[in-house]
């Protein structure tokens, strides 16, 4: 049986495009996903799936991204993903 391990990444406000801070979920979707299938360059779908699996969020992907952007504006944010 293959064991999945978690990989952690620390994100700070300095890692983000300053323009992201004023955008809501729909606007972030428009910016990073203009033709569908896209994702935020830092807050990836793998990170979101990890949070969903760990029951840390029930949000859809872009709402979760918006919340992460807001959280990173106030301090370090630790993201985890399974690999």
N, C-alpha and C. Protein backbone atom coordinates (compact mmCIF):
# COMPACT_ATOMS: atom_id res chain seq x y z
N UNK A 1 0.84 -1.18 0.00
CA UNK A 1 0.00 0.00 0.00
C UNK A 1 0.88 1.25 0.00
N UNK A 2 0.59 2.17 -0.87
CA UNK A 2 1.36 3.39 -0.98
C UNK A 2 0.85 4.42 0.02
N UNK A 3 1.73 4.96 0.81
CA UNK A 3 1.37 5.97 1.80
C UNK A 3 1.54 7.35 1.18
N UNK A 4 0.51 8.18 1.32
CA UNK A 4 0.62 9.55 0.82
C UNK A 4 1.23 10.42 1.89
N UNK A 5 2.13 11.28 1.46
CA UNK A 5 2.75 12.22 2.38
C UNK A 5 2.29 13.62 2.04
N UNK A 6 2.33 14.46 3.02
CA UNK A 6 1.92 15.83 2.85
C UNK A 6 3.16 16.71 2.68
N UNK A 7 3.08 17.66 1.76
CA UNK A 7 4.14 18.62 1.54
C UNK A 7 3.61 19.99 1.92
N UNK A 8 4.35 20.71 2.76
CA UNK A 8 3.90 22.02 3.23
C UNK A 8 4.62 23.15 2.51
N UNK A 9 3.89 24.25 2.28
CA UNK A 9 4.41 25.46 1.68
C UNK A 9 3.93 26.63 2.51
N UNK A 10 4.82 27.55 2.85
CA UNK A 10 4.44 28.75 3.60
C UNK A 10 4.30 29.90 2.60
N UNK A 11 3.16 30.57 2.64
CA UNK A 11 2.87 31.68 1.74
C UNK A 11 2.70 32.95 2.58
N UNK A 12 3.34 34.02 2.14
CA UNK A 12 3.18 35.32 2.77
C UNK A 12 2.61 36.30 1.74
N UNK A 13 2.20 37.45 2.19
CA UNK A 13 1.66 38.46 1.28
C UNK A 13 2.65 38.80 0.18
N UNK A 14 3.93 38.77 0.48
CA UNK A 14 4.96 39.10 -0.51
C UNK A 14 5.04 38.12 -1.67
N UNK A 15 4.48 36.93 -1.51
CA UNK A 15 4.49 35.94 -2.58
C UNK A 15 3.40 36.20 -3.62
N UNK A 16 2.43 37.03 -3.27
CA UNK A 16 1.25 37.21 -4.11
C UNK A 16 1.32 38.46 -4.97
N UNK A 17 0.62 38.43 -6.08
CA UNK A 17 0.43 39.60 -6.91
C UNK A 17 -0.41 40.59 -6.10
N UNK A 18 0.07 41.79 -5.91
CA UNK A 18 -0.64 42.78 -5.08
C UNK A 18 -2.05 43.03 -5.59
N UNK A 19 -2.27 42.85 -6.87
CA UNK A 19 -3.60 43.05 -7.44
C UNK A 19 -4.62 42.02 -6.98
N UNK A 20 -4.15 40.90 -6.46
CA UNK A 20 -5.08 39.85 -6.00
C UNK A 20 -5.82 40.24 -4.74
N UNK A 21 -5.26 41.12 -3.93
CA UNK A 21 -5.84 41.42 -2.62
C UNK A 21 -7.22 42.06 -2.70
N UNK A 22 -7.50 42.78 -3.75
CA UNK A 22 -8.80 43.43 -3.87
C UNK A 22 -9.83 42.64 -4.67
N UNK A 23 -9.47 41.42 -5.09
CA UNK A 23 -10.36 40.66 -5.96
C UNK A 23 -11.20 39.64 -5.18
N UNK A 24 -12.45 39.48 -5.60
CA UNK A 24 -13.29 38.45 -5.01
C UNK A 24 -13.11 37.14 -5.79
N UNK A 25 -13.81 36.11 -5.40
CA UNK A 25 -13.64 34.79 -6.02
C UNK A 25 -13.91 34.83 -7.52
N UNK A 26 -14.96 35.50 -7.93
CA UNK A 26 -15.30 35.58 -9.35
C UNK A 26 -14.22 36.32 -10.14
N UNK A 27 -13.70 37.38 -9.57
CA UNK A 27 -12.66 38.17 -10.25
C UNK A 27 -11.35 37.39 -10.33
N UNK A 28 -11.02 36.63 -9.29
CA UNK A 28 -9.82 35.79 -9.34
C UNK A 28 -9.98 34.71 -10.41
N UNK A 29 -11.17 34.14 -10.50
CA UNK A 29 -11.48 33.16 -11.54
C UNK A 29 -11.26 33.78 -12.91
N UNK A 30 -11.79 34.96 -13.14
CA UNK A 30 -11.61 35.64 -14.43
C UNK A 30 -10.15 35.91 -14.74
N UNK A 31 -9.39 36.29 -13.73
CA UNK A 31 -7.97 36.63 -13.93
C UNK A 31 -7.13 35.41 -14.27
N UNK A 32 -7.30 34.33 -13.54
CA UNK A 32 -6.41 33.17 -13.68
C UNK A 32 -7.02 32.01 -14.47
N UNK A 33 -8.28 32.11 -14.82
CA UNK A 33 -8.96 31.00 -15.46
C UNK A 33 -9.81 31.49 -16.64
N UNK A 34 -9.25 32.32 -17.52
CA UNK A 34 -10.07 32.93 -18.56
C UNK A 34 -10.71 31.94 -19.54
N UNK A 35 -10.06 30.82 -19.77
CA UNK A 35 -10.63 29.86 -20.73
C UNK A 35 -10.99 28.54 -20.08
N UNK A 36 -10.97 28.48 -18.75
CA UNK A 36 -11.32 27.25 -18.03
C UNK A 36 -10.13 26.36 -17.80
N UNK A 37 -10.19 25.59 -16.75
CA UNK A 37 -9.12 24.65 -16.45
C UNK A 37 -7.90 25.24 -15.77
N UNK A 38 -7.91 26.53 -15.50
CA UNK A 38 -6.76 27.17 -14.89
C UNK A 38 -6.83 27.14 -13.37
N UNK A 39 -5.76 27.63 -12.78
CA UNK A 39 -5.70 27.71 -11.33
C UNK A 39 -4.80 28.86 -10.93
N UNK A 40 -4.90 29.27 -9.69
CA UNK A 40 -4.04 30.32 -9.15
C UNK A 40 -2.61 29.77 -9.13
N UNK A 41 -1.61 30.59 -9.42
CA UNK A 41 -0.23 30.08 -9.47
C UNK A 41 0.33 29.62 -8.12
N UNK A 42 -0.22 30.07 -7.03
CA UNK A 42 0.26 29.67 -5.70
C UNK A 42 -0.74 28.77 -5.00
N UNK A 43 -2.00 29.16 -5.01
CA UNK A 43 -3.05 28.39 -4.34
C UNK A 43 -3.63 27.40 -5.35
N UNK A 44 -2.97 26.26 -5.48
CA UNK A 44 -3.31 25.31 -6.53
C UNK A 44 -4.49 24.43 -6.15
N UNK A 45 -5.01 23.76 -7.14
CA UNK A 45 -6.11 22.83 -6.91
C UNK A 45 -5.66 21.66 -6.02
N UNK A 46 -4.39 21.29 -6.10
CA UNK A 46 -3.88 20.23 -5.21
C UNK A 46 -3.95 20.66 -3.75
N UNK A 47 -3.62 21.92 -3.47
CA UNK A 47 -3.73 22.44 -2.11
C UNK A 47 -5.19 22.45 -1.67
N UNK A 48 -6.08 22.89 -2.55
CA UNK A 48 -7.51 22.93 -2.24
C UNK A 48 -8.05 21.53 -1.97
N UNK A 49 -7.68 20.56 -2.81
CA UNK A 49 -8.14 19.18 -2.61
C UNK A 49 -7.68 18.64 -1.26
N UNK A 50 -6.47 18.99 -0.85
CA UNK A 50 -5.98 18.58 0.46
C UNK A 50 -6.87 19.14 1.57
N UNK A 51 -7.19 20.44 1.46
CA UNK A 51 -8.03 21.06 2.48
C UNK A 51 -9.45 20.48 2.49
N UNK A 52 -9.97 20.14 1.33
CA UNK A 52 -11.29 19.50 1.26
C UNK A 52 -11.23 18.12 1.91
N UNK A 53 -10.20 17.34 1.57
CA UNK A 53 -10.06 15.99 2.12
C UNK A 53 -9.90 16.01 3.64
N UNK A 54 -9.21 17.02 4.15
CA UNK A 54 -9.01 17.15 5.60
C UNK A 54 -10.16 17.89 6.28
N UNK A 55 -11.21 18.17 5.52
CA UNK A 55 -12.40 18.87 6.02
C UNK A 55 -12.07 20.24 6.62
N UNK A 56 -11.10 20.92 6.00
CA UNK A 56 -10.74 22.27 6.42
C UNK A 56 -11.54 23.32 5.68
N UNK A 57 -12.18 22.91 4.59
CA UNK A 57 -13.04 23.81 3.82
C UNK A 57 -14.15 23.03 3.15
N UNK A 58 -15.26 23.71 2.95
CA UNK A 58 -16.35 23.18 2.13
C UNK A 58 -16.59 24.12 0.95
N UNK A 59 -15.70 25.10 0.81
CA UNK A 59 -15.81 26.10 -0.26
C UNK A 59 -15.44 25.49 -1.60
N UNK A 60 -16.01 26.08 -2.64
CA UNK A 60 -15.54 25.79 -3.99
C UNK A 60 -14.14 26.34 -4.17
N UNK A 61 -13.49 25.93 -5.26
CA UNK A 61 -12.08 26.28 -5.45
C UNK A 61 -11.82 27.79 -5.41
N UNK A 62 -12.53 28.59 -6.23
CA UNK A 62 -12.21 30.01 -6.31
C UNK A 62 -12.58 30.78 -5.03
N UNK A 63 -13.60 30.34 -4.34
CA UNK A 63 -13.92 30.95 -3.04
C UNK A 63 -12.80 30.64 -2.04
N UNK A 64 -12.30 29.40 -2.07
CA UNK A 64 -11.19 29.01 -1.21
C UNK A 64 -9.96 29.86 -1.53
N UNK A 65 -9.67 30.07 -2.84
CA UNK A 65 -8.53 30.92 -3.23
C UNK A 65 -8.71 32.31 -2.65
N UNK A 66 -9.88 32.88 -2.80
CA UNK A 66 -10.15 34.22 -2.28
C UNK A 66 -9.90 34.28 -0.77
N UNK A 67 -10.34 33.27 -0.05
CA UNK A 67 -10.11 33.23 1.40
C UNK A 67 -8.62 33.11 1.72
N UNK A 68 -7.90 32.33 0.95
CA UNK A 68 -6.44 32.18 1.17
C UNK A 68 -5.71 33.49 0.92
N UNK A 69 -6.09 34.20 -0.13
CA UNK A 69 -5.48 35.50 -0.42
C UNK A 69 -5.69 36.44 0.76
N UNK A 70 -6.91 36.48 1.27
CA UNK A 70 -7.21 37.35 2.43
C UNK A 70 -6.40 36.92 3.65
N UNK A 71 -6.32 35.62 3.89
CA UNK A 71 -5.55 35.13 5.05
C UNK A 71 -4.07 35.47 4.92
N UNK A 72 -3.52 35.34 3.72
CA UNK A 72 -2.10 35.63 3.50
C UNK A 72 -1.80 37.11 3.69
N UNK A 73 -2.79 37.95 3.48
CA UNK A 73 -2.60 39.39 3.68
C UNK A 73 -2.34 39.73 5.14
N UNK A 74 -2.79 38.86 6.03
CA UNK A 74 -2.67 39.12 7.47
C UNK A 74 -1.56 38.35 8.16
N UNK A 75 -0.91 37.45 7.47
CA UNK A 75 0.18 36.70 8.06
C UNK A 75 0.52 35.47 7.27
N UNK A 76 1.48 34.70 7.75
CA UNK A 76 1.91 33.51 7.05
C UNK A 76 0.77 32.50 6.96
N UNK A 77 0.67 31.86 5.82
CA UNK A 77 -0.36 30.85 5.57
C UNK A 77 0.36 29.57 5.17
N UNK A 78 0.07 28.48 5.83
CA UNK A 78 0.70 27.20 5.52
C UNK A 78 -0.27 26.38 4.67
N UNK A 79 0.20 26.02 3.48
CA UNK A 79 -0.58 25.18 2.58
C UNK A 79 -0.01 23.77 2.57
N UNK A 80 -0.87 22.80 2.51
CA UNK A 80 -0.43 21.41 2.43
C UNK A 80 -1.05 20.76 1.21
N UNK A 81 -0.31 19.84 0.63
CA UNK A 81 -0.87 19.03 -0.45
C UNK A 81 -0.31 17.63 -0.33
N UNK A 82 -1.08 16.66 -0.78
CA UNK A 82 -0.65 15.27 -0.77
C UNK A 82 0.15 14.99 -2.02
N UNK A 83 1.15 14.16 -1.85
CA UNK A 83 1.90 13.71 -3.04
C UNK A 83 2.35 12.30 -2.83
